N, C-alpha and C. Protein backbone atom coordinates (compact mmCIF):
# COMPACT_ATOMS: atom_id res chain seq x y z
N UNK A 1 8.63 -28.14 -14.17
CA UNK A 1 7.47 -28.07 -13.04
C UNK A 1 7.99 -27.89 -11.63
N UNK A 2 7.61 -27.00 -10.83
CA UNK A 2 8.04 -26.81 -9.71
C UNK A 2 6.67 -26.61 -8.76
N UNK A 3 6.81 -26.78 -7.49
CA UNK A 3 5.82 -26.45 -6.59
C UNK A 3 6.00 -25.24 -5.67
N UNK A 4 5.09 -24.51 -5.58
CA UNK A 4 5.31 -23.15 -4.58
C UNK A 4 3.80 -23.34 -3.76
N UNK A 5 4.17 -23.35 -2.43
CA UNK A 5 2.62 -23.27 -1.58
C UNK A 5 1.71 -24.44 -1.90
N UNK A 6 2.15 -25.83 -2.53
CA UNK A 6 1.16 -26.62 -3.04
C UNK A 6 0.67 -26.21 -4.46
N UNK A 7 1.18 -25.32 -4.92
CA UNK A 7 0.50 -24.94 -6.32
C UNK A 7 1.78 -25.48 -7.14
N UNK A 8 1.44 -26.01 -8.50
CA UNK A 8 2.39 -26.36 -9.55
C UNK A 8 2.21 -25.32 -10.58
N UNK A 9 3.75 -24.91 -11.08
CA UNK A 9 4.02 -23.58 -11.77
C UNK A 9 5.21 -24.36 -12.87
N UNK A 10 5.00 -23.96 -14.44
CA UNK A 10 6.21 -24.37 -15.20
C UNK A 10 7.20 -23.09 -14.63
N UNK A 11 8.63 -23.69 -14.65
CA UNK A 11 9.79 -23.11 -14.11
C UNK A 11 9.87 -21.35 -14.45
N UNK A 12 9.43 -21.28 -15.94
CA UNK A 12 9.52 -19.90 -16.32
C UNK A 12 8.33 -18.89 -15.67
N UNK A 13 7.30 -19.58 -14.87
CA UNK A 13 6.05 -18.87 -14.71
C UNK A 13 6.69 -18.56 -13.02
N UNK A 14 7.60 -19.10 -12.48
CA UNK A 14 7.93 -18.65 -11.09
C UNK A 14 8.62 -17.26 -11.02
N UNK A 15 9.34 -16.72 -12.03
CA UNK A 15 9.44 -15.75 -11.92
C UNK A 15 8.68 -14.39 -12.24
N UNK A 16 7.58 -14.84 -12.56
CA UNK A 16 6.41 -13.70 -12.70
C UNK A 16 5.22 -14.20 -11.80
N UNK A 17 5.56 -14.38 -10.75
CA UNK A 17 4.40 -15.14 -9.75
C UNK A 17 3.27 -13.89 -9.33
N UNK A 18 2.04 -14.30 -9.77
CA UNK A 18 0.96 -13.51 -9.66
C UNK A 18 0.92 -12.82 -8.42
N UNK A 19 0.73 -11.52 -8.38
CA UNK A 19 0.87 -10.81 -7.01
C UNK A 19 -0.51 -11.28 -6.16
N UNK A 20 -1.61 -11.88 -6.49
CA UNK A 20 -2.59 -12.10 -5.79
C UNK A 20 -2.09 -13.53 -5.16
N UNK A 21 -1.46 -14.42 -6.00
CA UNK A 21 -1.05 -15.61 -5.50
C UNK A 21 0.11 -15.33 -4.41
N UNK A 22 0.89 -14.28 -4.47
CA UNK A 22 1.84 -14.27 -3.58
C UNK A 22 1.44 -13.82 -2.37
N UNK A 23 0.68 -12.84 -2.33
CA UNK A 23 0.03 -12.12 -0.98
C UNK A 23 -1.34 -13.37 -0.31
N UNK A 24 -1.74 -13.87 -1.27
CA UNK A 24 -2.70 -14.98 -0.61
C UNK A 24 -1.98 -16.30 0.18
N UNK A 25 -0.60 -16.37 -0.55
CA UNK A 25 0.29 -17.71 0.09
C UNK A 25 0.84 -17.06 1.36
N UNK A 26 1.02 -15.75 1.40
CA UNK A 26 1.60 -15.09 2.41
C UNK A 26 0.60 -15.54 3.91
N UNK A 27 -0.80 -15.24 3.32
CA UNK A 27 -1.74 -15.53 4.53
C UNK A 27 -1.88 -17.00 4.87
N UNK A 28 -1.58 -17.92 3.72
CA UNK A 28 -1.65 -19.12 4.17
C UNK A 28 -0.76 -19.82 5.05
N UNK A 29 0.55 -19.07 4.87
CA UNK A 29 1.49 -19.15 5.82
C UNK A 29 1.66 -18.44 6.98
N UNK A 30 0.46 -17.62 7.32
CA UNK A 30 0.26 -17.13 8.63
C UNK A 30 1.20 -15.77 8.67
N UNK A 31 1.67 -15.24 7.57
CA UNK A 31 2.66 -14.11 7.57
C UNK A 31 1.73 -12.86 7.42
N UNK A 32 1.49 -12.14 8.67
CA UNK A 32 0.60 -11.11 8.99
C UNK A 32 1.31 -9.89 9.71
N UNK A 33 1.71 -9.01 9.27
CA UNK A 33 2.20 -7.81 9.99
C UNK A 33 1.37 -7.25 11.06
N UNK A 34 0.17 -7.36 10.95
CA UNK A 34 -0.76 -6.71 11.73
C UNK A 34 -0.57 -7.80 13.11
N UNK A 35 -0.33 -8.89 12.98
CA UNK A 35 -0.16 -9.86 14.44
C UNK A 35 1.25 -10.06 14.65
N UNK A 36 2.33 -9.11 14.29
CA UNK A 36 3.66 -9.39 14.52
C UNK A 36 3.73 -8.92 15.89
N UNK A 37 4.88 -9.68 16.68
CA UNK A 37 5.26 -9.13 17.88
C UNK A 37 5.97 -7.69 17.91
N UNK A 38 6.03 -6.80 19.16
CA UNK A 38 6.50 -5.74 18.94
C UNK A 38 7.87 -5.36 18.34
N UNK A 39 8.85 -6.22 18.36
CA UNK A 39 10.10 -6.13 17.65
C UNK A 39 9.91 -5.99 16.04
N UNK A 40 9.16 -6.87 15.60
CA UNK A 40 8.78 -6.72 14.29
C UNK A 40 7.79 -5.71 13.75
N UNK A 41 6.97 -5.32 14.64
CA UNK A 41 6.33 -4.07 14.18
C UNK A 41 7.06 -2.70 14.16
N UNK A 42 8.25 -2.67 14.97
CA UNK A 42 9.23 -1.92 15.02
C UNK A 42 9.99 -1.82 13.69
N UNK A 43 10.35 -2.99 13.36
CA UNK A 43 10.99 -3.07 12.17
C UNK A 43 10.28 -2.61 10.91
N UNK A 44 8.94 -2.87 10.80
CA UNK A 44 8.21 -2.58 9.67
C UNK A 44 8.00 -1.01 9.70
N UNK A 45 8.13 -0.32 10.72
CA UNK A 45 7.84 0.84 10.85
C UNK A 45 9.00 1.55 10.12
N UNK A 46 10.09 1.02 9.90
CA UNK A 46 11.29 1.67 9.14
C UNK A 46 10.98 2.11 7.63
N UNK A 47 9.88 1.63 7.38
CA UNK A 47 9.15 2.09 5.91
C UNK A 47 8.16 3.26 6.19
N UNK A 48 7.69 3.28 7.16
CA UNK A 48 6.71 4.42 7.55
C UNK A 48 6.82 5.07 8.85
N UNK A 49 5.79 4.72 9.82
CA UNK A 49 6.02 4.88 11.14
C UNK A 49 5.19 6.10 11.74
N UNK A 50 5.30 6.42 12.69
CA UNK A 50 4.40 7.48 13.29
C UNK A 50 4.40 8.68 12.44
N UNK A 51 5.71 9.23 12.09
CA UNK A 51 5.65 10.32 11.09
C UNK A 51 5.00 10.18 9.91
N UNK A 52 4.55 9.08 9.55
CA UNK A 52 3.97 8.65 8.18
C UNK A 52 2.62 9.08 8.57
N UNK A 53 2.11 8.65 9.78
CA UNK A 53 0.66 8.79 10.09
C UNK A 53 0.44 10.37 10.57
N UNK A 54 1.27 10.96 11.09
CA UNK A 54 1.18 12.44 11.57
C UNK A 54 0.88 13.20 10.24
N UNK A 55 1.75 12.99 9.32
CA UNK A 55 1.81 13.83 7.97
C UNK A 55 0.51 13.82 7.36
N UNK A 56 -0.42 12.72 7.61
CA UNK A 56 -1.63 12.90 6.99
C UNK A 56 -2.64 13.74 7.75
N UNK A 57 -2.45 14.54 8.44
CA UNK A 57 -3.06 15.34 9.06
C UNK A 57 -4.51 14.84 9.40
N UNK A 58 -4.86 13.97 9.98
CA UNK A 58 -6.03 13.29 10.35
C UNK A 58 -7.04 14.17 11.16
N UNK A 59 -8.27 14.11 10.94
CA UNK A 59 -9.27 14.45 11.73
C UNK A 59 -10.48 13.52 11.70
N UNK A 60 -11.32 13.75 12.55
CA UNK A 60 -12.66 12.88 12.61
C UNK A 60 -13.66 13.35 11.44
N UNK A 61 -13.17 14.42 10.86
CA UNK A 61 -14.10 14.73 9.56
C UNK A 61 -13.69 14.14 8.15
N UNK A 62 -12.59 13.46 8.27
CA UNK A 62 -11.91 13.30 7.01
C UNK A 62 -12.23 11.88 6.44
N UNK A 63 -12.24 11.72 5.07
CA UNK A 63 -12.45 10.60 4.43
C UNK A 63 -11.13 10.11 3.97
N UNK A 64 -10.81 8.71 4.13
CA UNK A 64 -9.49 8.38 3.88
C UNK A 64 -9.20 7.27 2.98
N UNK A 65 -8.54 7.14 2.02
CA UNK A 65 -8.32 5.69 1.34
C UNK A 65 -6.89 5.19 1.49
N UNK A 66 -6.71 4.04 1.73
CA UNK A 66 -5.52 3.47 1.78
C UNK A 66 -5.49 2.42 0.54
N UNK A 67 -4.30 2.89 -0.13
CA UNK A 67 -3.92 1.67 -1.40
C UNK A 67 -2.95 0.59 -0.90
N UNK A 68 -3.72 -0.56 -0.93
CA UNK A 68 -2.73 -1.57 -0.27
C UNK A 68 -3.07 -1.72 1.27
N UNK A 69 -4.30 -1.98 1.39
CA UNK A 69 -4.50 -2.02 3.14
C UNK A 69 -3.72 -3.14 3.66
N UNK A 70 -3.56 -4.14 2.94
CA UNK A 70 -2.78 -5.37 3.54
C UNK A 70 -3.66 -5.94 4.53
N UNK A 71 -3.05 -6.55 5.85
CA UNK A 71 -3.78 -7.09 6.82
C UNK A 71 -3.97 -6.03 7.73
N UNK A 72 -3.81 -4.60 7.54
CA UNK A 72 -4.52 -3.50 8.41
C UNK A 72 -3.35 -3.07 9.45
N UNK A 73 -2.16 -3.23 8.99
CA UNK A 73 -1.21 -2.74 9.94
C UNK A 73 -1.18 -1.20 10.13
N UNK A 74 -1.23 -0.41 9.35
CA UNK A 74 -1.48 1.02 9.39
C UNK A 74 -2.87 1.50 9.63
N UNK A 75 -3.62 0.69 8.78
CA UNK A 75 -5.07 1.09 9.16
C UNK A 75 -5.57 1.07 10.51
N UNK A 76 -5.19 0.11 11.26
CA UNK A 76 -5.49 0.21 12.71
C UNK A 76 -4.98 1.60 13.44
N UNK A 77 -4.11 2.29 13.12
CA UNK A 77 -3.65 3.44 13.56
C UNK A 77 -4.36 4.71 12.97
N UNK A 78 -4.92 4.39 11.67
CA UNK A 78 -5.59 5.55 11.09
C UNK A 78 -7.17 5.69 11.49
N UNK A 79 -7.73 4.41 11.36
CA UNK A 79 -9.08 4.36 11.65
C UNK A 79 -9.68 5.07 12.45
N UNK A 80 -9.09 5.05 13.98
CA UNK A 80 -9.41 5.78 15.26
C UNK A 80 -9.48 7.31 14.79
N UNK A 81 -8.81 7.93 13.76
CA UNK A 81 -8.55 9.27 13.61
C UNK A 81 -9.29 9.98 12.48
N UNK A 82 -10.18 9.16 11.76
CA UNK A 82 -11.06 9.53 10.51
C UNK A 82 -12.46 9.18 10.67
N UNK A 83 -13.24 9.99 9.98
CA UNK A 83 -14.78 9.29 9.95
C UNK A 83 -14.91 8.25 9.21
N UNK A 84 -14.15 8.10 8.11
CA UNK A 84 -14.40 6.69 7.34
C UNK A 84 -13.09 6.49 6.57
N UNK A 85 -12.48 5.00 6.47
CA UNK A 85 -11.43 4.74 5.90
C UNK A 85 -11.84 3.57 4.91
N UNK A 86 -11.27 3.86 3.62
CA UNK A 86 -11.56 2.68 2.53
C UNK A 86 -10.39 2.33 2.37
N UNK A 87 -10.14 0.73 2.51
CA UNK A 87 -9.07 0.12 2.25
C UNK A 87 -9.36 -0.75 1.06
N UNK A 88 -8.40 -0.82 0.10
CA UNK A 88 -8.20 -1.74 -1.13
C UNK A 88 -7.06 -2.34 -1.24
N UNK A 89 -7.29 -3.63 -1.57
CA UNK A 89 -6.33 -4.53 -1.92
C UNK A 89 -6.80 -5.62 -2.74
N UNK A 90 -5.69 -6.00 -3.57
CA UNK A 90 -5.82 -6.98 -4.63
C UNK A 90 -5.86 -8.77 -4.21
N UNK A 91 -5.81 -8.84 -2.91
CA UNK A 91 -5.70 -10.10 -2.52
C UNK A 91 -6.81 -10.49 -1.71
N UNK A 92 -7.64 -11.48 -2.24
CA UNK A 92 -8.90 -11.92 -1.32
C UNK A 92 -8.61 -12.30 -0.11
N UNK A 93 -7.52 -13.28 0.14
CA UNK A 93 -7.33 -13.68 1.46
C UNK A 93 -6.61 -12.56 2.45
N UNK A 94 -6.21 -11.86 1.85
CA UNK A 94 -5.44 -10.46 2.65
C UNK A 94 -6.73 -9.58 3.08
N UNK A 95 -7.66 -9.22 2.14
CA UNK A 95 -8.86 -8.55 2.61
C UNK A 95 -9.67 -9.21 3.70
N UNK A 96 -9.84 -10.77 3.51
CA UNK A 96 -10.51 -11.54 4.70
C UNK A 96 -9.70 -11.44 5.89
N UNK A 97 -8.72 -11.63 5.96
CA UNK A 97 -7.61 -11.37 7.38
C UNK A 97 -7.75 -10.02 7.74
N UNK A 98 -7.67 -9.00 6.87
CA UNK A 98 -7.77 -7.45 7.53
C UNK A 98 -9.33 -7.19 8.16
N UNK A 99 -10.39 -7.81 7.57
CA UNK A 99 -11.69 -7.51 8.15
C UNK A 99 -11.63 -8.30 9.43
N UNK A 100 -10.99 -9.31 9.58
CA UNK A 100 -10.77 -9.93 10.99
C UNK A 100 -10.20 -9.23 11.86
N UNK A 101 -8.93 -8.74 11.46
CA UNK A 101 -8.01 -7.92 12.15
C UNK A 101 -8.50 -6.38 12.65
N UNK A 102 -9.44 -5.86 11.89
CA UNK A 102 -9.93 -4.79 12.24
C UNK A 102 -11.55 -4.88 12.56
N UNK A 103 -11.79 -5.72 13.07
CA UNK A 103 -13.35 -6.16 13.41
C UNK A 103 -13.92 -5.04 14.21
N UNK A 104 -12.91 -4.43 15.04
CA UNK A 104 -13.63 -3.56 16.27
C UNK A 104 -13.76 -1.97 15.73
N UNK A 105 -13.33 -1.82 14.21
CA UNK A 105 -13.99 -0.89 13.65
C UNK A 105 -15.12 -0.65 13.01
N UNK A 106 -16.14 -0.01 13.06
CA UNK A 106 -17.28 0.16 12.34
C UNK A 106 -17.05 1.31 11.24
N UNK A 107 -16.12 2.00 10.90
CA UNK A 107 -15.80 3.13 9.89
C UNK A 107 -14.91 2.35 8.89
N UNK A 108 -14.54 1.36 8.73
CA UNK A 108 -13.93 0.87 7.46
C UNK A 108 -14.59 0.02 6.28
N UNK A 109 -14.40 0.39 5.02
CA UNK A 109 -15.02 -0.06 3.91
C UNK A 109 -13.52 -0.86 3.42
N UNK A 110 -14.08 -2.20 3.00
CA UNK A 110 -13.09 -2.98 2.50
C UNK A 110 -13.27 -3.38 0.95
N UNK A 111 -12.46 -3.07 0.10
CA UNK A 111 -12.66 -3.30 -1.38
C UNK A 111 -11.66 -4.22 -1.90
N UNK A 112 -12.13 -5.51 -2.48
CA UNK A 112 -10.79 -6.31 -3.00
C UNK A 112 -10.89 -6.02 -4.59
N UNK A 113 -9.93 -5.38 -4.90
CA UNK A 113 -9.61 -5.16 -6.73
C UNK A 113 -8.26 -4.37 -6.58
N UNK A 114 -8.02 -4.25 -7.85
CA UNK A 114 -6.56 -3.61 -8.56
C UNK A 114 -7.19 -2.25 -8.31
N UNK A 115 -6.24 -1.63 -7.62
CA UNK A 115 -6.56 0.04 -7.38
C UNK A 115 -6.75 0.65 -8.87
N UNK A 116 -5.66 0.24 -9.87
CA UNK A 116 -5.59 0.85 -11.30
C UNK A 116 -7.01 0.68 -11.99
N UNK A 117 -7.60 -0.44 -11.63
CA UNK A 117 -8.81 -0.65 -12.77
C UNK A 117 -10.26 -0.06 -11.73
N UNK A 118 -10.07 -0.21 -10.61
CA UNK A 118 -11.35 -0.07 -9.76
C UNK A 118 -11.69 1.52 -9.95
N UNK A 119 -13.07 1.42 -10.12
CA UNK A 119 -14.02 2.76 -10.14
C UNK A 119 -14.48 3.00 -8.93
N UNK A 120 -14.07 4.19 -8.60
CA UNK A 120 -14.49 4.89 -7.23
C UNK A 120 -15.87 5.50 -7.31
N UNK A 121 -16.80 5.29 -6.58
CA UNK A 121 -17.78 6.52 -6.41
C UNK A 121 -17.93 7.76 -5.50
N UNK A 122 -16.65 8.03 -5.10
CA UNK A 122 -16.32 8.93 -4.00
C UNK A 122 -14.98 9.65 -4.05
N UNK A 123 -14.74 10.76 -3.42
CA UNK A 123 -13.43 10.99 -3.23
C UNK A 123 -12.92 11.20 -1.86
N UNK A 124 -11.96 11.67 -1.89
CA UNK A 124 -11.13 11.63 -0.44
C UNK A 124 -10.33 12.79 0.08
N UNK A 125 -10.42 13.10 1.62
CA UNK A 125 -9.41 14.19 1.74
C UNK A 125 -8.01 13.59 2.10
N UNK A 126 -7.79 12.23 2.29
CA UNK A 126 -6.40 11.67 2.66
C UNK A 126 -6.46 10.32 1.90
N UNK A 127 -5.32 10.38 1.14
CA UNK A 127 -5.03 9.02 0.47
C UNK A 127 -3.54 8.61 1.01
N UNK A 128 -3.42 7.38 1.27
CA UNK A 128 -1.75 7.16 1.39
C UNK A 128 -1.61 5.55 0.80
N UNK A 129 -0.24 5.39 0.81
CA UNK A 129 0.20 4.11 0.49
C UNK A 129 1.60 3.85 0.91
N UNK A 130 1.90 2.49 1.52
CA UNK A 130 3.10 2.35 1.73
C UNK A 130 3.54 0.82 1.24
N UNK A 131 4.61 0.90 0.67
CA UNK A 131 5.05 -0.58 -0.09
C UNK A 131 4.15 -1.21 -1.03
N UNK A 132 3.36 -0.40 -1.63
CA UNK A 132 2.31 -0.78 -2.76
C UNK A 132 2.58 -0.40 -3.93
N UNK A 133 3.39 0.65 -4.35
CA UNK A 133 3.57 1.43 -5.94
C UNK A 133 4.58 0.36 -6.42
N UNK A 134 5.50 -0.33 -5.48
CA UNK A 134 6.09 -1.20 -6.45
C UNK A 134 5.56 -2.36 -7.13
N UNK A 135 4.17 -2.63 -6.91
CA UNK A 135 3.30 -3.48 -7.58
C UNK A 135 2.95 -2.98 -8.92
N UNK A 136 3.07 -1.68 -9.38
CA UNK A 136 2.45 -1.05 -10.25
C UNK A 136 3.46 -0.88 -11.39
N UNK A 137 3.33 -0.89 -12.69
CA UNK A 137 4.08 -0.80 -13.64
C UNK A 137 3.93 0.37 -14.07
N UNK A 138 2.86 1.03 -14.20
CA UNK A 138 2.53 2.34 -14.69
C UNK A 138 2.41 3.19 -13.63
N UNK A 139 3.11 3.90 -13.11
CA UNK A 139 3.24 4.60 -11.98
C UNK A 139 2.49 6.04 -12.09
N UNK A 140 2.82 6.37 -13.21
CA UNK A 140 2.15 7.75 -13.58
C UNK A 140 0.69 7.49 -13.60
N UNK A 141 0.38 6.64 -14.37
CA UNK A 141 -1.20 6.25 -14.21
C UNK A 141 -1.91 6.29 -12.89
N UNK A 142 -0.89 5.77 -11.97
CA UNK A 142 -1.27 5.47 -10.60
C UNK A 142 -1.47 6.87 -9.72
N UNK A 143 -0.47 7.78 -10.14
CA UNK A 143 -0.45 9.17 -9.64
C UNK A 143 -1.40 9.96 -10.19
N UNK A 144 -2.01 9.79 -11.39
CA UNK A 144 -2.95 10.65 -11.91
C UNK A 144 -4.20 10.36 -11.47
N UNK A 145 -4.43 8.95 -11.19
CA UNK A 145 -5.81 8.57 -10.36
C UNK A 145 -5.93 8.91 -9.09
N UNK A 146 -4.59 8.72 -8.08
CA UNK A 146 -4.77 9.47 -6.85
C UNK A 146 -5.32 10.94 -6.95
N UNK A 147 -4.44 11.73 -8.08
CA UNK A 147 -4.82 13.48 -8.01
C UNK A 147 -6.28 13.34 -8.22
N UNK A 148 -7.00 12.57 -9.19
CA UNK A 148 -8.32 12.60 -9.46
C UNK A 148 -9.33 12.42 -8.11
N UNK A 149 -8.71 11.23 -7.67
CA UNK A 149 -9.42 10.92 -6.12
C UNK A 149 -9.29 11.94 -4.82
N UNK A 150 -8.36 12.92 -5.03
CA UNK A 150 -8.01 13.91 -3.85
C UNK A 150 -8.88 15.09 -3.94
N UNK A 151 -9.52 15.35 -2.75
CA UNK A 151 -9.96 16.33 -2.57
C UNK A 151 -9.40 17.78 -2.65
N UNK A 152 -9.79 18.82 -3.12
CA UNK A 152 -9.16 20.10 -2.84
C UNK A 152 -8.63 20.17 -1.40
N UNK A 153 -6.97 20.56 -1.48
CA UNK A 153 -6.44 20.81 -0.14
C UNK A 153 -6.35 19.23 0.42
N UNK A 154 -6.38 18.28 -0.20
CA UNK A 154 -6.21 16.94 0.36
C UNK A 154 -4.81 16.57 0.40
N UNK A 155 -4.50 15.66 1.30
CA UNK A 155 -3.15 15.02 1.57
C UNK A 155 -2.93 13.81 1.01
N UNK A 156 -1.79 13.53 0.18
CA UNK A 156 -1.47 12.27 -0.27
C UNK A 156 -0.06 11.81 0.48
N UNK A 157 -0.07 10.71 0.93
CA UNK A 157 1.33 10.49 1.64
C UNK A 157 1.73 9.06 1.03
N UNK A 158 2.96 8.94 0.50
CA UNK A 158 3.41 7.83 -0.39
C UNK A 158 4.75 7.45 0.20
N UNK A 159 5.05 6.22 0.65
CA UNK A 159 6.04 5.47 1.02
C UNK A 159 6.38 4.66 -0.16
N UNK A 160 7.88 4.83 -0.80
CA UNK A 160 8.27 3.85 -1.79
C UNK A 160 9.48 3.39 -1.22
N UNK A 161 9.82 1.93 -1.57
CA UNK A 161 10.82 1.37 -1.05
C UNK A 161 12.32 1.70 -1.77
N UNK A 162 13.30 1.83 -0.86
CA UNK A 162 14.82 2.32 -1.34
C UNK A 162 15.21 1.17 -2.46
N UNK A 163 14.75 -0.06 -2.21
CA UNK A 163 15.31 -1.48 -2.83
C UNK A 163 14.95 -1.20 -4.51
N UNK A 164 15.95 -1.20 -5.44
CA UNK A 164 15.62 -1.05 -6.67
C UNK A 164 15.94 -2.65 -7.35
N UNK A 165 15.73 -3.57 -6.64
CA UNK A 165 15.69 -4.80 -7.33
C UNK A 165 14.44 -4.95 -8.21
N UNK A 166 14.64 -5.90 -9.38
CA UNK A 166 13.58 -6.15 -9.84
C UNK A 166 12.48 -7.52 -9.36
N UNK A 167 13.21 -8.02 -8.49
CA UNK A 167 12.54 -9.06 -7.68
C UNK A 167 12.32 -9.26 -6.45
N UNK A 168 11.38 -9.97 -5.68
CA UNK A 168 11.25 -10.01 -4.21
C UNK A 168 11.59 -11.52 -4.11
N UNK A 169 12.58 -11.85 -3.84
CA UNK A 169 13.18 -13.42 -3.43
C UNK A 169 12.67 -13.95 -2.24
N UNK A 170 11.50 -14.66 -2.42
CA UNK A 170 11.12 -15.65 -1.41
C UNK A 170 11.44 -17.08 -1.28
N UNK A 171 12.58 -17.30 -1.80
CA UNK A 171 13.60 -18.18 -1.50
C UNK A 171 12.91 -19.47 -2.57
N UNK A 172 11.63 -20.11 -2.19
CA UNK A 172 11.02 -20.99 -3.27
C UNK A 172 10.36 -20.20 -4.49
N UNK A 173 10.41 -19.27 -4.50
CA UNK A 173 10.08 -18.46 -5.82
C UNK A 173 10.43 -17.01 -5.92
N UNK A 174 10.19 -16.35 -6.98
CA UNK A 174 10.70 -14.87 -7.06
C UNK A 174 9.06 -14.18 -7.54
N UNK A 175 8.99 -12.82 -6.94
CA UNK A 175 7.87 -12.03 -7.21
C UNK A 175 8.46 -10.84 -8.12
N UNK A 176 8.00 -10.80 -9.38
CA UNK A 176 8.24 -9.81 -10.29
C UNK A 176 7.58 -8.59 -9.66
N UNK A 177 8.49 -7.35 -9.58
CA UNK A 177 8.08 -6.06 -8.84
C UNK A 177 8.57 -4.67 -9.83
N UNK A 178 8.21 -3.64 -9.74
CA UNK A 178 8.64 -2.71 -10.37
C UNK A 178 9.14 -1.41 -9.67
N UNK A 179 10.70 -1.50 -9.59
CA UNK A 179 11.11 -0.65 -8.40
C UNK A 179 10.91 0.60 -8.77
N UNK A 180 10.83 1.56 -7.72
CA UNK A 180 10.32 2.99 -7.84
C UNK A 180 11.61 4.03 -7.73
N UNK A 181 11.64 4.85 -8.82
CA UNK A 181 12.85 5.71 -9.01
C UNK A 181 12.20 6.91 -8.46
N UNK A 182 13.07 7.48 -7.29
CA UNK A 182 12.77 8.69 -6.76
C UNK A 182 12.47 9.89 -7.47
N UNK A 183 13.29 10.07 -8.64
CA UNK A 183 13.10 11.29 -9.46
C UNK A 183 11.81 11.29 -10.38
N UNK A 184 11.61 9.96 -10.69
CA UNK A 184 10.50 9.72 -11.58
C UNK A 184 9.04 9.74 -10.75
N UNK A 185 8.93 9.60 -9.46
CA UNK A 185 8.00 9.56 -8.76
C UNK A 185 7.72 11.12 -8.62
N UNK A 186 8.89 12.01 -8.28
CA UNK A 186 8.78 13.25 -8.08
C UNK A 186 8.13 13.91 -9.36
N UNK A 187 8.69 13.43 -10.67
CA UNK A 187 8.00 14.22 -11.77
C UNK A 187 6.72 13.87 -12.01
N UNK A 188 6.35 12.51 -11.72
CA UNK A 188 4.97 12.36 -12.11
C UNK A 188 4.09 13.02 -10.89
N UNK A 189 4.33 13.23 -9.82
CA UNK A 189 3.38 14.27 -8.91
C UNK A 189 3.41 15.64 -9.34
N UNK A 190 4.66 16.29 -9.66
CA UNK A 190 4.68 17.61 -10.35
C UNK A 190 4.11 17.67 -11.53
N UNK A 191 3.44 16.77 -12.28
CA UNK A 191 2.69 16.87 -13.53
C UNK A 191 1.36 16.99 -13.00
N UNK A 192 0.93 16.81 -11.54
CA UNK A 192 -0.49 16.72 -11.45
C UNK A 192 -1.06 18.01 -10.96
N UNK A 193 -1.81 18.20 -10.13
CA UNK A 193 -2.29 19.42 -9.25
C UNK A 193 -1.78 19.27 -7.86
N UNK A 194 -1.08 18.16 -7.61
CA UNK A 194 -0.59 18.03 -6.31
C UNK A 194 0.79 18.76 -6.16
N UNK A 195 1.13 19.06 -4.88
CA UNK A 195 2.24 19.65 -4.82
C UNK A 195 3.10 19.20 -3.67
N UNK A 196 4.71 18.70 -3.88
CA UNK A 196 5.12 18.04 -2.69
C UNK A 196 5.40 19.28 -1.66
N UNK A 197 4.75 18.99 -0.49
CA UNK A 197 5.11 20.07 0.64
C UNK A 197 6.17 19.43 1.49
N UNK A 198 6.55 18.18 1.47
CA UNK A 198 7.61 17.56 2.59
C UNK A 198 8.20 16.31 1.68
N UNK A 199 9.31 16.05 1.90
CA UNK A 199 10.08 14.67 1.27
C UNK A 199 11.17 14.25 2.23
N UNK A 200 11.20 13.25 2.78
CA UNK A 200 12.00 12.82 3.74
C UNK A 200 12.41 11.28 3.38
N UNK A 201 13.18 10.76 4.35
CA UNK A 201 13.60 9.24 4.03
C UNK A 201 13.81 8.72 5.40
N UNK A 202 13.40 7.28 5.61
CA UNK A 202 13.35 6.52 6.63
C UNK A 202 14.56 5.70 6.47
N UNK A 203 14.71 4.73 7.29
CA UNK A 203 15.68 3.66 6.95
C UNK A 203 15.83 2.98 5.65
N UNK A 204 14.38 2.59 5.33
CA UNK A 204 14.04 1.65 4.26
C UNK A 204 13.36 2.54 3.18
N UNK A 205 12.80 3.54 3.18
CA UNK A 205 12.12 4.32 2.37
C UNK A 205 12.26 5.61 2.22
N UNK A 206 11.80 5.91 0.83
CA UNK A 206 11.60 7.76 0.55
C UNK A 206 10.07 7.86 0.78
N UNK A 207 9.82 9.09 1.43
CA UNK A 207 8.46 9.49 2.00
C UNK A 207 8.21 10.64 1.36
N UNK A 208 6.93 10.78 0.35
CA UNK A 208 6.56 11.91 -0.36
C UNK A 208 5.25 12.52 0.69
N UNK A 209 5.27 13.69 0.90
CA UNK A 209 3.93 14.49 1.64
C UNK A 209 3.49 15.33 0.59
N UNK A 210 2.27 15.07 0.10
CA UNK A 210 1.67 16.06 -1.08
C UNK A 210 0.39 16.51 -0.65
N UNK A 211 0.13 18.03 -1.32
CA UNK A 211 -1.20 18.62 -0.98
C UNK A 211 -1.80 19.12 -2.43
N UNK A 212 -2.99 18.87 -2.40
CA UNK A 212 -3.46 19.24 -3.74
C UNK A 212 -4.15 20.61 -3.62
């Protein structure tokens, strides 16, 4: 038996720690990228950054979906540029913190759910996700769902981590992830109605810009 963040786990469970527990624990530890000082914010931009935002082709008429809104690091830049932003995240404590961080915006709707299971009652002009795909085992199912939710001529921006490890090592525990294979992601996108109109890399990520 081991202790992680005040919670007891059998030893074998440490290596498959629940994603919700992991992100809830980050909030308990006050690990919040939205509130990072400028040097750390600049570091996080190495996975996406302004070029990622610009690629969305945002306007005040567009409805946007963020898969994995986290504490609102990217949403704070997107919300002023669109008519509506829906942010979905699986962690209740993360969603609660995002609501606090983004309280100045009145055009954001928060959904606490697993994207792969949640049934949306609307479609979107822009869908984006950064550092979230690694948590989904069935990546093709996720990309198919994105395609279904994306309006005609809509934009999908995806940032995937270059890291190919099977675990995120948090020192006192490990979180199981599903590394993103660049060729597989390309193949899954090409099997949908979306076309890859741009593909580039940052220091830590590969970025796909797709249009339906």
